[in-house]
N, C-alpha and C. Protein backbone atom coordinates (compact mmCIF):
# COMPACT_ATOMS: atom_id res chain seq x y z
N MET A 1 1.19 -1.04 -0.22
CA MET A 1 -0.14 0.20 -0.19
C MET A 1 0.61 0.97 -0.15
N HIS A 2 0.46 2.44 -0.86
CA HIS A 2 1.54 3.40 -0.74
C HIS A 2 0.48 4.46 -1.06
N THR A 3 0.80 5.58 -0.36
CA THR A 3 0.02 7.08 0.03
C THR A 3 0.68 8.07 -0.40
N SER A 4 -0.19 9.06 -1.21
CA SER A 4 0.72 10.51 -1.31
C SER A 4 -0.68 11.55 -1.65
N THR A 5 0.00 12.43 -2.08
CA THR A 5 -0.74 13.51 -2.13
C THR A 5 -1.23 13.52 -3.65
N VAL A 6 -2.30 14.15 -4.03
CA VAL A 6 -2.79 14.63 -5.25
C VAL A 6 -3.64 15.53 -5.64
N LYS A 7 -3.73 15.62 -6.30
CA LYS A 7 -4.74 16.88 -7.15
C LYS A 7 -6.18 16.10 -8.28
N VAL A 8 -7.15 16.40 -7.62
CA VAL A 8 -8.09 15.61 -9.05
C VAL A 8 -8.82 16.90 -9.92
N LEU A 9 -8.71 17.11 -11.37
CA LEU A 9 -9.04 18.26 -11.65
C LEU A 9 -9.98 17.77 -12.72
N ARG A 10 -10.42 18.56 -12.80
CA ARG A 10 -12.01 18.83 -14.15
C ARG A 10 -11.85 18.44 -15.35
N GLY A 11 -11.13 19.25 -15.93
CA GLY A 11 -10.54 18.53 -17.20
C GLY A 11 -8.67 18.60 -17.18
N PRO A 12 -8.53 18.79 -18.52
CA PRO A 12 -7.01 18.37 -18.54
C PRO A 12 -5.91 20.12 -18.52
N ILE A 13 -6.51 20.73 -17.72
CA ILE A 13 -6.35 21.97 -16.96
C ILE A 13 -5.27 21.89 -16.10
N THR A 14 -4.57 22.45 -15.65
CA THR A 14 -3.90 21.89 -13.99
C THR A 14 -4.10 23.26 -12.65
N PHE A 15 -5.16 23.97 -13.28
CA PHE A 15 -5.28 24.87 -12.34
C PHE A 15 -6.99 24.51 -11.83
N GLY A 16 -7.32 24.46 -10.44
CA GLY A 16 -8.59 24.21 -10.03
C GLY A 16 -8.55 22.89 -9.34
N GLY A 17 -9.54 22.32 -9.04
CA GLY A 17 -9.59 20.97 -9.07
C GLY A 17 -9.60 20.92 -7.16
N TRP A 18 -9.27 19.95 -6.61
CA TRP A 18 -9.40 19.52 -5.15
C TRP A 18 -8.21 18.38 -4.99
N LYS A 19 -8.26 19.35 -3.60
CA LYS A 19 -6.77 18.27 -2.59
C LYS A 19 -6.91 16.97 -2.33
N ALA A 20 -6.78 15.76 -2.69
CA ALA A 20 -7.11 14.73 -2.17
C ALA A 20 -5.56 13.78 -1.63
N GLN A 21 -5.78 12.71 -1.09
CA GLN A 21 -4.76 11.44 -0.72
C GLN A 21 -5.25 10.79 -1.46
N LEU A 22 -4.11 9.80 -2.13
CA LEU A 22 -3.75 8.95 -3.24
C LEU A 22 -3.73 7.74 -2.45
N VAL A 23 -4.54 6.81 -2.43
CA VAL A 23 -3.87 5.27 -1.64
C VAL A 23 -3.95 4.37 -2.85
N LEU A 24 -2.54 3.52 -2.73
CA LEU A 24 -2.60 2.65 -4.03
C LEU A 24 -2.70 1.24 -3.74
N ASN A 25 -3.31 0.95 -3.43
CA ASN A 25 -2.74 -0.98 -2.97
C ASN A 25 -3.23 -1.81 -3.99
N GLY A 26 -2.53 -2.29 -4.83
CA GLY A 26 -2.62 -3.06 -6.02
C GLY A 26 -2.99 -2.43 -7.21
N ASP A 27 -4.21 -2.44 -7.81
CA ASP A 27 -4.70 -2.16 -9.14
C ASP A 27 -5.75 -1.11 -8.28
N LEU A 28 -5.97 -1.24 -7.56
CA LEU A 28 -6.92 -0.35 -6.72
C LEU A 28 -6.53 2.07 -5.98
N MET A 29 -6.86 2.48 -6.76
CA MET A 29 -6.45 4.09 -6.81
C MET A 29 -7.74 4.42 -5.94
N THR A 30 -7.43 4.31 -4.58
CA THR A 30 -8.50 5.24 -3.44
C THR A 30 -8.51 6.79 -3.59
N ILE A 31 -8.88 7.51 -3.60
CA ILE A 31 -8.92 9.47 -3.88
C ILE A 31 -9.97 9.25 -3.01
N GLN A 32 -8.91 9.81 -1.81
CA GLN A 32 -10.09 11.09 -0.75
C GLN A 32 -10.09 12.26 -0.47
N GLY A 33 -10.75 13.02 -0.96
CA GLY A 33 -10.28 15.15 -0.23
C GLY A 33 -10.28 14.79 0.88
N THR A 34 -8.65 15.95 1.01
CA THR A 34 -8.92 16.15 2.65
C THR A 34 -9.85 17.28 2.24
N GLY A 35 -10.15 17.62 3.51
CA GLY A 35 -11.75 18.75 3.61
C GLY A 35 -12.84 18.53 2.86
N THR A 36 -12.98 18.03 1.72
CA THR A 36 -14.04 18.13 1.03
C THR A 36 -15.24 17.23 1.34
N GLY A 37 -14.55 15.70 2.01
CA GLY A 37 -16.03 14.60 1.77
C GLY A 37 -16.04 13.81 -0.07
N ARG A 38 -15.17 14.48 -0.60
CA ARG A 38 -15.44 13.74 -1.98
C ARG A 38 -14.56 12.29 -1.70
N SER A 39 -14.47 11.43 -2.67
CA SER A 39 -13.84 10.07 -2.58
C SER A 39 -14.19 9.24 -3.92
N MET A 40 -12.87 8.78 -4.52
CA MET A 40 -13.62 7.66 -5.78
C MET A 40 -12.35 6.65 -5.75
N VAL A 41 -12.93 5.73 -5.94
CA VAL A 41 -12.20 4.31 -6.20
C VAL A 41 -12.25 3.63 -7.58
N VAL A 42 -10.67 3.73 -7.90
CA VAL A 42 -10.57 3.39 -9.53
C VAL A 42 -9.77 2.75 -9.55
N SER A 43 -10.20 1.28 -10.39
CA SER A 43 -9.28 0.30 -10.77
C SER A 43 -8.31 0.30 -11.69
N LEU A 44 -7.22 0.35 -11.73
CA LEU A 44 -5.79 1.12 -12.74
C LEU A 44 -7.10 -0.38 -14.07
N ALA A 45 -6.91 -1.44 -13.57
CA ALA A 45 -6.82 -2.71 -14.60
C ALA A 45 -8.53 -2.27 -15.69
N GLU A 46 -9.25 -1.29 -15.02
CA GLU A 46 -10.97 -0.69 -16.07
C GLU A 46 -9.87 0.61 -16.72
N VAL A 47 -8.72 0.97 -16.53
CA VAL A 47 -7.69 1.96 -17.90
C VAL A 47 -7.50 1.17 -19.15
N LYS A 48 -7.99 2.15 -19.69
CA LYS A 48 -8.13 1.81 -21.52
C LYS A 48 -7.21 2.20 -21.92
N ARG A 49 -6.84 3.93 -21.82
CA ARG A 49 -5.86 4.29 -22.22
C ARG A 49 -5.35 5.56 -21.39
N ALA A 50 -3.79 5.89 -21.41
CA ALA A 50 -3.49 6.85 -20.52
C ALA A 50 -2.41 7.53 -21.25
N SER A 51 -2.22 8.75 -20.11
CA SER A 51 -1.06 10.02 -20.41
C SER A 51 -0.65 10.50 -19.45
N PHE A 52 0.72 10.88 -19.32
CA PHE A 52 1.36 10.81 -18.26
C PHE A 52 1.91 12.43 -19.08
N ASN A 53 1.60 13.47 -18.12
CA ASN A 53 2.47 14.85 -18.89
C ASN A 53 4.46 15.41 -17.62
N SER A 54 5.18 15.04 -17.84
CA SER A 54 6.18 14.88 -16.54
C SER A 54 6.43 16.46 -16.29
N ASN A 55 5.95 17.33 -17.41
CA ASN A 55 6.51 18.74 -16.23
C ASN A 55 5.32 19.18 -15.54
N ASN A 56 4.13 18.70 -15.74
CA ASN A 56 2.93 19.11 -14.79
C ASN A 56 2.53 18.07 -14.02
N GLY A 57 3.02 16.84 -14.06
CA GLY A 57 2.83 16.43 -13.40
C GLY A 57 1.17 15.14 -13.27
N LEU A 58 0.68 15.61 -14.64
CA LEU A 58 -1.38 15.41 -14.79
C LEU A 58 -0.70 13.96 -16.11
N TRP A 59 -1.80 13.02 -14.84
CA TRP A 59 -1.98 11.84 -15.37
C TRP A 59 -3.52 12.11 -15.86
N ALA A 60 -3.82 11.47 -17.80
CA ALA A 60 -4.94 11.67 -18.07
C ALA A 60 -5.63 10.29 -18.13
N PHE A 61 -6.14 9.88 -17.51
CA PHE A 61 -7.04 7.96 -17.91
C PHE A 61 -8.17 7.76 -18.68
N ARG A 62 -8.51 7.64 -19.67
CA ARG A 62 -9.60 6.95 -20.21
C ARG A 62 -9.86 5.59 -19.60
N LEU A 63 -11.21 5.53 -19.18
CA LEU A 63 -12.11 4.41 -18.74
C LEU A 63 -12.41 3.56 -19.39
N ARG A 64 -12.55 2.04 -19.52
CA ARG A 64 -13.21 1.39 -20.54
C ARG A 64 -14.64 1.68 -20.54
N ASP A 65 -15.01 2.53 -19.72
CA ASP A 65 -17.02 2.67 -19.50
C ASP A 65 -17.08 4.11 -20.34
N GLY A 66 -15.85 4.59 -20.71
CA GLY A 66 -15.99 6.24 -21.05
C GLY A 66 -15.68 7.32 -20.67
N LYS A 67 -15.99 6.96 -19.34
CA LYS A 67 -15.15 8.03 -18.30
C LYS A 67 -13.93 8.42 -18.18
N ARG A 68 -13.79 10.11 -18.39
CA ARG A 68 -12.30 10.16 -17.89
C ARG A 68 -11.81 10.82 -16.35
N LEU A 69 -10.91 10.68 -16.35
CA LEU A 69 -10.52 11.21 -14.97
C LEU A 69 -8.22 11.95 -14.97
N TRP A 70 -8.48 13.19 -14.63
CA TRP A 70 -7.49 13.87 -14.17
C TRP A 70 -6.80 14.13 -13.55
N ILE A 71 -5.93 13.53 -12.99
CA ILE A 71 -4.86 13.53 -11.48
C ILE A 71 -3.46 14.61 -11.72
N GLN A 72 -3.12 15.20 -10.92
CA GLN A 72 -1.90 15.59 -11.05
C GLN A 72 -1.05 15.25 -9.61
N SER A 73 -0.06 14.37 -10.23
CA SER A 73 0.82 13.97 -8.69
C SER A 73 1.91 14.69 -8.96
N SER A 74 3.44 14.15 -9.01
CA SER A 74 4.60 14.62 -9.21
C SER A 74 5.21 14.70 -10.46
N GLY A 75 5.20 16.56 -11.08
CA GLY A 75 6.08 16.31 -12.14
C GLY A 75 7.03 17.52 -11.65
N ALA A 76 7.84 18.00 -12.78
CA ALA A 76 8.77 18.85 -13.10
C ALA A 76 8.57 20.43 -12.23
N LEU A 77 7.89 20.54 -12.62
CA LEU A 77 7.08 22.30 -12.75
C LEU A 77 6.64 22.20 -11.67
N LEU A 78 5.34 22.12 -11.92
CA LEU A 78 3.68 22.34 -11.09
C LEU A 78 4.05 20.62 -10.92
N SER A 79 3.58 20.99 -9.45
CA SER A 79 3.31 19.17 -9.28
C SER A 79 2.30 19.30 -7.87
N ALA A 80 1.24 18.11 -7.30
CA ALA A 80 0.64 18.42 -6.46
C ALA A 80 1.41 17.70 -5.13
N ASP A 81 2.54 16.94 -5.81
CA ASP A 81 3.46 16.26 -4.75
C ASP A 81 4.46 16.38 -4.99
N ARG A 82 5.90 17.08 -4.77
CA ARG A 82 6.97 17.15 -4.88
C ARG A 82 8.11 15.98 -4.06
N THR A 83 7.50 15.41 -3.38
CA THR A 83 8.04 14.53 -2.64
C THR A 83 8.57 12.56 -3.03
N ALA A 84 9.16 12.67 -2.31
CA ALA A 84 9.66 11.28 -3.49
C ALA A 84 8.28 10.34 -3.18
N ALA A 85 7.17 10.53 -2.00
CA ALA A 85 6.27 10.04 -2.72
C ALA A 85 5.71 9.88 -3.53
N GLY A 86 5.57 10.91 -4.60
CA GLY A 86 4.88 11.38 -5.29
C GLY A 86 5.51 10.86 -6.71
N ARG A 87 6.70 11.04 -6.46
CA ARG A 87 7.80 10.72 -8.13
C ARG A 87 7.44 8.82 -7.51
N GLU A 88 7.31 8.50 -6.83
CA GLU A 88 6.76 7.03 -6.63
C GLU A 88 5.87 6.22 -7.02
N THR A 89 4.90 7.39 -6.80
CA THR A 89 3.17 7.23 -7.09
C THR A 89 3.57 7.13 -8.45
N ASN A 90 3.82 7.97 -8.96
CA ASN A 90 3.79 8.04 -10.80
C ASN A 90 4.86 6.46 -11.53
N ALA A 91 5.50 5.83 -10.74
CA ALA A 91 6.01 4.94 -10.74
C ALA A 91 5.54 3.50 -10.61
N LEU A 92 4.89 3.39 -9.88
CA LEU A 92 3.92 2.69 -9.40
C LEU A 92 2.58 2.37 -10.17
N ILE A 93 2.26 3.82 -10.47
CA ILE A 93 0.62 3.66 -11.46
C ILE A 93 1.35 3.36 -13.04
N ASN A 94 2.19 4.02 -12.99
CA ASN A 94 2.99 3.61 -14.61
C ASN A 94 3.34 1.46 -14.40
N GLU A 95 3.92 1.09 -13.73
CA GLU A 95 4.06 -0.21 -13.75
C GLU A 95 2.75 -1.21 -13.41
N ARG A 96 1.55 -0.48 -12.78
CA ARG A 96 0.24 -1.25 -12.97
C ARG A 96 0.02 -1.22 -14.09
N LEU A 97 -0.29 0.02 -14.95
CA LEU A 97 -0.83 0.27 -16.57
C LEU A 97 -0.23 -0.80 -17.18
N ALA A 98 1.11 -1.14 -17.40
CA ALA A 98 2.12 -2.10 -18.20
C ALA A 98 1.77 -3.30 -17.49
N HIS A 99 1.57 -3.52 -16.83
CA HIS A 99 1.41 -4.98 -16.16
C HIS A 99 -0.14 -5.21 -17.19
N HIS A 100 -1.40 -4.56 -17.20
CA HIS A 100 -2.36 -4.52 -17.29
C HIS A 100 -1.91 -4.46 -19.62
N SER A 101 -1.20 -4.00 -19.32
CA SER A 101 -0.88 -3.79 -21.25
C SER A 101 -1.72 -2.40 -21.76
N VAL A 102 -1.80 -1.61 -20.85
CA VAL A 102 -2.32 -0.27 -21.40
C VAL A 102 -1.06 0.72 -21.98
N ARG A 103 -1.44 0.93 -23.02
CA ARG A 103 -0.12 2.07 -23.58
C ARG A 103 -0.10 3.39 -22.75
N VAL A 104 0.55 4.01 -22.63
CA VAL A 104 0.80 4.89 -21.38
C VAL A 104 1.64 6.18 -21.95
N PHE A 105 0.96 6.81 -23.05
CA PHE A 105 1.36 8.06 -23.80
C PHE A 105 1.97 9.08 -23.49
N GLY A 106 3.29 9.36 -23.23
CA GLY A 106 4.27 10.77 -22.72
C GLY A 106 5.01 10.25 -21.57
N THR A 107 5.11 9.03 -21.98
CA THR A 107 6.10 8.45 -20.59
C THR A 107 7.98 7.91 -21.35
């Protein structure tokens, strides 16, 4: 189980959104908002396509049911979590997506 800070965004723009704690346990990403009461659980096995921007730490996921999810983790310039935990989150997500043969653009 791995925990880091992320920001959940409404779209592919890194401004706005809400801060959350991401708990990565195997394929499950549990995202719990800090102080907002919002939460969601996403299985990385349900991701159809993904992309990652290493400059701002933006992950864009397209799920098999057509829904989209944008989260910001650790990036070079802008990021929600510049600690080692944030960088490890990126590596773990990338590893789990590769396990499910999901092509990740931008890595």
